[in-house]
Protein backbone atom coordinates (compact mmCIF):
# COMPACT_ATOMS: atom_id res chain seq x y z
CA MET A 1 95.78 92.38 121.17
CA SER A 2 98.49 92.36 118.48
CA GLN A 3 97.61 91.32 114.95
CA ARG A 4 99.29 88.59 112.94
CA VAL A 5 99.32 89.22 109.20
CA VAL A 6 100.52 87.14 106.27
CA SER A 7 101.06 88.84 102.90
CA LEU A 8 101.26 86.87 99.65
CA VAL A 9 101.74 90.03 97.55
CA PRO A 10 105.21 91.65 97.40
CA SER A 11 104.03 95.25 97.07
CA LEU A 12 101.56 94.85 99.93
CA THR A 13 104.23 93.20 102.06
CA GLU A 14 106.28 96.37 101.69
CA ALA A 15 103.29 98.61 102.39
CA ILE A 16 102.37 96.75 105.57
CA ALA A 17 105.96 96.40 106.84
CA VAL A 18 106.67 100.11 106.36
CA THR A 19 103.37 101.33 107.78
CA CYS A 20 102.62 98.79 110.52
CA PRO A 21 105.99 97.44 111.69
CA GLY A 22 105.97 94.14 113.55
CA ILE A 23 102.62 92.71 112.51
CA LEU A 24 103.79 90.66 109.52
CA VAL A 25 104.55 87.05 110.40
CA GLY A 26 104.74 85.54 106.91
CA ALA A 27 105.47 86.55 103.31
CA THR A 28 106.50 85.01 99.99
CA ASP A 29 110.06 84.41 98.84
CA TRP A 30 109.46 87.20 96.29
CA CYS A 31 108.74 89.80 98.98
CA THR A 32 112.08 91.62 98.71
CA HIS A 33 111.14 94.93 100.32
CA PRO A 34 112.00 95.98 102.95
CA ALA A 35 115.35 94.23 102.50
CA ASP A 36 115.70 93.57 106.24
CA LEU A 37 112.27 91.97 106.69
CA VAL A 38 112.48 88.89 108.92
CA VAL A 39 109.38 86.70 108.67
CA THR A 40 108.51 83.11 107.81
CA ARG A 41 108.87 82.59 104.06
CA LEU A 42 106.03 80.77 102.32
CA ARG A 43 107.33 80.00 98.80
CA GLY A 44 105.98 82.01 95.84
CA THR A 45 102.87 83.93 94.89
CA LYS A 46 101.75 81.14 92.55
CA ASN A 47 102.66 78.21 94.82
CA PRO A 48 102.30 79.42 98.42
CA ASP A 49 102.78 77.01 101.30
CA LEU A 50 99.14 76.95 102.42
CA ASP A 51 99.86 74.64 105.34
CA GLY A 52 102.58 77.06 106.41
CA VAL A 53 100.14 79.96 106.21
CA ARG A 54 97.61 78.17 108.40
CA ALA A 55 100.31 77.17 110.89
CA LEU A 56 101.13 80.83 111.48
CA ARG A 57 97.58 81.39 112.80
CA PRO A 58 97.12 84.70 110.99
CA ASP A 59 94.39 87.16 111.81
CA LEU A 60 94.52 88.33 108.20
CA VAL A 61 96.00 87.03 104.94
CA VAL A 62 96.47 89.58 102.15
CA VAL A 63 96.18 88.37 98.56
CA ASN A 64 95.68 89.70 95.03
CA ARG A 65 93.41 88.22 92.36
CA GLU A 66 96.04 88.55 89.66
CA GLU A 67 99.19 87.56 91.53
CA ASN A 68 97.66 84.67 93.48
CA ARG A 69 95.76 81.70 92.05
CA PRO A 70 91.97 81.55 92.55
CA ASP A 71 92.24 78.02 93.97
CA ASP A 72 94.72 79.17 96.63
CA ILE A 73 92.55 82.15 97.58
CA ASP A 74 89.49 79.91 97.84
CA ALA A 75 91.40 77.37 99.95
CA LEU A 76 92.49 80.10 102.37
CA ARG A 77 88.96 81.49 102.62
CA THR A 78 87.66 78.00 103.39
CA ALA A 79 90.36 77.22 105.96
CA LEU A 80 90.49 80.59 107.74
CA GLY A 81 87.14 82.18 107.02
CA ALA A 82 86.30 84.70 104.30
CA ASP A 83 86.62 87.62 106.72
CA ARG A 84 90.28 86.78 107.36
CA VAL A 85 91.36 86.90 103.69
CA TRP A 86 91.74 90.42 102.28
CA ILE A 87 91.55 90.44 98.48
CA THR A 88 92.95 93.26 96.35
CA ASP A 89 92.60 93.76 92.60
CA PRO A 90 93.29 97.34 91.48
CA GLU A 91 93.22 98.11 87.76
CA THR A 92 93.95 101.84 88.11
CA VAL A 93 96.19 104.06 90.21
CA PRO A 94 93.24 105.65 92.09
CA ALA A 95 91.85 102.19 92.85
CA ALA A 96 95.24 101.06 94.16
CA LEU A 97 95.54 104.09 96.43
CA ASP A 98 91.99 103.59 97.71
CA GLN A 99 92.52 99.87 98.38
CA LEU A 100 95.81 100.59 100.15
CA ARG A 101 94.16 103.12 102.46
CA LYS A 102 91.33 100.70 103.30
CA LEU A 103 93.72 97.81 103.98
CA LEU A 104 96.10 99.82 106.13
CA GLY A 105 93.18 101.38 107.97
CA ARG A 106 91.91 97.87 108.72
CA LEU A 107 95.34 97.19 110.24
CA GLY A 108 95.11 100.25 112.47
CA ALA A 109 97.12 102.82 110.53
CA ARG A 110 95.79 106.35 110.66
CA ARG A 111 98.52 108.71 109.43
CA ILE A 112 100.33 107.33 106.37
CA ASP A 113 102.78 109.90 105.03
CA TRP A 114 103.94 107.93 101.98
CA LEU A 115 100.34 107.28 100.92
CA ASP A 116 99.43 110.95 101.33
CA ALA A 117 102.45 111.82 99.17
CA ALA A 118 101.48 109.27 96.52
CA GLU A 119 97.92 110.60 96.33
CA THR A 120 99.24 114.12 95.86
CA GLU A 121 101.78 112.98 93.26
CA TRP A 122 99.23 111.20 91.09
CA ARG A 123 96.34 113.65 91.46
CA ALA A 124 97.25 116.00 88.61
CA PRO A 125 96.26 114.87 85.09
CA TRP A 126 98.85 114.54 82.33
CA THR A 127 98.90 117.64 80.11
CA GLY A 128 101.95 117.01 77.92
CA ASP A 129 102.36 115.24 74.60
CA ARG A 130 101.25 111.63 74.36
CA ARG A 131 103.19 108.66 72.97
CA THR A 132 102.23 105.12 72.03
CA ALA A 133 104.20 102.17 73.36
CA LEU A 134 104.55 98.42 73.32
CA VAL A 135 105.12 97.15 76.87
CA PRO A 136 106.48 93.57 76.94
CA ILE A 137 106.32 91.81 80.30
CA TRP A 138 107.70 88.42 79.22
CA ARG A 139 109.63 86.71 76.46
CA ARG A 140 109.64 83.05 75.41
CA PRO A 141 106.79 83.53 74.71
CA TRP A 142 106.53 87.25 74.11
CA MET A 143 103.70 88.79 76.15
CA ALA A 144 102.70 92.41 76.71
CA LEU A 145 100.42 94.61 78.77
CA GLY A 146 96.84 94.32 77.52
CA ARG A 147 93.50 95.52 78.78
CA ASP A 148 92.57 96.73 82.28
CA THR A 149 95.98 96.60 83.97
CA PHE A 150 97.31 98.73 86.80
CA ALA A 151 100.61 99.27 84.96
CA GLY A 152 98.78 100.32 81.81
CA ASP A 153 96.75 102.90 83.71
CA LEU A 154 99.88 104.19 85.44
CA LEU A 155 101.66 104.65 82.10
CA SER A 156 98.64 106.48 80.69
CA ARG A 157 99.04 108.99 83.52
CA LEU A 158 102.58 109.58 82.26
CA GLY A 159 101.46 110.28 78.72
CA VAL A 160 102.13 106.77 77.40
CA ASP A 161 99.31 104.81 75.75
CA HIS A 162 100.14 101.16 75.24
CA CYS A 163 99.16 99.53 71.97
CA PHE A 164 97.27 96.52 73.36
CA ALA A 165 95.06 98.49 75.76
CA LEU A 166 91.90 97.33 73.94
CA ASP A 167 93.00 93.73 73.47
CA ALA A 168 90.69 90.95 74.65
CA GLU A 169 93.45 89.62 76.92
CA ARG A 170 95.09 91.30 79.90
CA TYR A 171 98.48 89.96 78.81
CA PRO A 172 98.31 89.05 75.12
CA ARG A 173 101.02 87.19 73.26
CA PHE A 174 102.53 88.97 70.29
CA ASP A 175 104.97 88.43 67.44
CA VAL A 176 108.12 90.57 67.50
CA GLU A 177 108.18 90.40 63.71
CA SER A 178 104.89 92.31 63.49
CA VAL A 179 105.01 94.92 66.25
CA PRO A 180 102.26 97.55 65.84
CA PRO A 181 103.43 101.09 65.01
CA VAL A 182 104.58 102.68 68.29
CA ASP A 183 106.79 105.54 69.43
CA LEU A 184 108.49 103.52 72.15
CA VAL A 185 109.09 100.03 73.53
CA VAL A 186 108.98 100.03 77.35
CA LEU A 187 110.96 97.18 78.95
CA PRO A 188 110.52 96.73 82.74
CA ASP A 189 112.94 94.63 84.77
CA GLU A 190 110.11 92.53 86.22
CA PRO A 191 108.32 90.19 85.99
CA TYR A 192 110.81 89.38 83.22
CA ALA A 193 114.22 90.89 83.92
CA PHE A 194 114.70 92.87 80.72
CA ALA A 195 118.14 94.52 80.57
CA ALA A 196 120.32 96.42 78.11
CA ASP A 197 121.61 93.14 76.67
CA ASP A 198 118.33 91.21 76.94
CA GLY A 199 115.34 92.73 75.19
CA PRO A 200 116.16 95.83 73.15
CA GLU A 201 117.93 93.78 70.46
CA ALA A 202 114.58 92.18 69.59
CA PHE A 203 113.14 95.53 68.45
CA PRO A 204 115.49 96.96 65.82
CA GLY A 205 114.53 100.42 64.66
CA HIS A 206 112.51 101.17 67.80
CA ARG A 207 113.30 103.45 70.70
CA CYS A 208 113.50 101.33 73.86
CA ALA A 209 113.31 102.45 77.49
CA LEU A 210 114.44 100.22 80.34
CA VAL A 211 112.34 100.99 83.42
CA SER A 212 111.92 99.82 87.00
CA GLY A 213 109.35 97.05 87.18
CA ARG A 214 108.80 97.75 90.87
CA HIS A 215 107.83 101.35 90.16
CA LEU A 216 105.68 100.35 87.20
CA THR A 217 103.77 97.40 88.68
CA TRP A 218 103.92 97.62 92.51
CA TYR A 219 101.27 99.50 94.46
CA GLY A 220 102.74 100.53 97.80
CA PRO A 221 105.35 102.98 99.09
CA SER A 222 107.06 102.98 95.68
CA LEU A 223 104.10 104.96 94.29
CA ALA A 224 105.30 108.05 96.16
CA GLU A 225 108.41 108.19 93.95
CA ALA A 226 107.32 106.20 90.89
CA ARG A 227 106.15 109.16 88.81
CA GLU A 228 109.46 111.00 88.99
CA ILE A 229 111.58 107.88 88.48
CA LEU A 230 109.60 106.52 85.54
CA LEU A 231 109.43 109.87 83.75
CA ARG A 232 113.21 110.09 84.02
CA GLN A 233 113.67 106.54 82.77
CA LEU A 234 111.21 106.95 79.90
CA ALA A 235 113.09 110.04 78.75
CA GLY A 236 116.70 109.38 79.70
CA SER A 237 116.96 105.63 79.14
CA ALA A 238 115.40 105.64 75.71
CA HIS A 239 117.75 104.73 72.88
CA GLU A 240 117.46 103.73 69.28
CA GLN A 241 118.04 100.09 68.44
């Protein structure tokens, strides 16, 4: 019997589509990878079409505690049954790799080459010099990585310690006029699309690095190449403002 899966998490949509082709029947408008994915679109991660999800009669709906709203997750668990809603919430790279393997195993995958490669890539500890960084994720208002985030843990494994790691909030607001002393400002292109002409100008006197938001924040096939790409971007894209 074939499975019918709905994913409301872009990185997990990619992981499932690449590993278990043909079982996805629904995904959000923000699920951009793979580019040729043809499924029913169900609006966004924060405003999913719950009636549309139910109409697809899924065997499993994949969600994330941070990307999806608690009320939507609860509504799906009530409508479909708790055993048909798979909840993810990794705060570290090892946790993400473990949760990916469990999810894909639940969907019938046994040999997962990209996941094996990602586990090998991220196994070795960082032994080089360490830097401190501010990592904005939004502007208007300005917000940054805070405590217990997957992206923060990933950066730490690249020798970058972000300055709000011990903040009370996961994504604290901050004032650009009083940025803590850091070696680097890391500007990903998602969730806010920071670019060369939109972001670095706000941090005069600081080295800024424009990096791939997908490789910094997604947990899926991108993890197999994220380490190499981000190290190159952190080194080669950095420039003084």
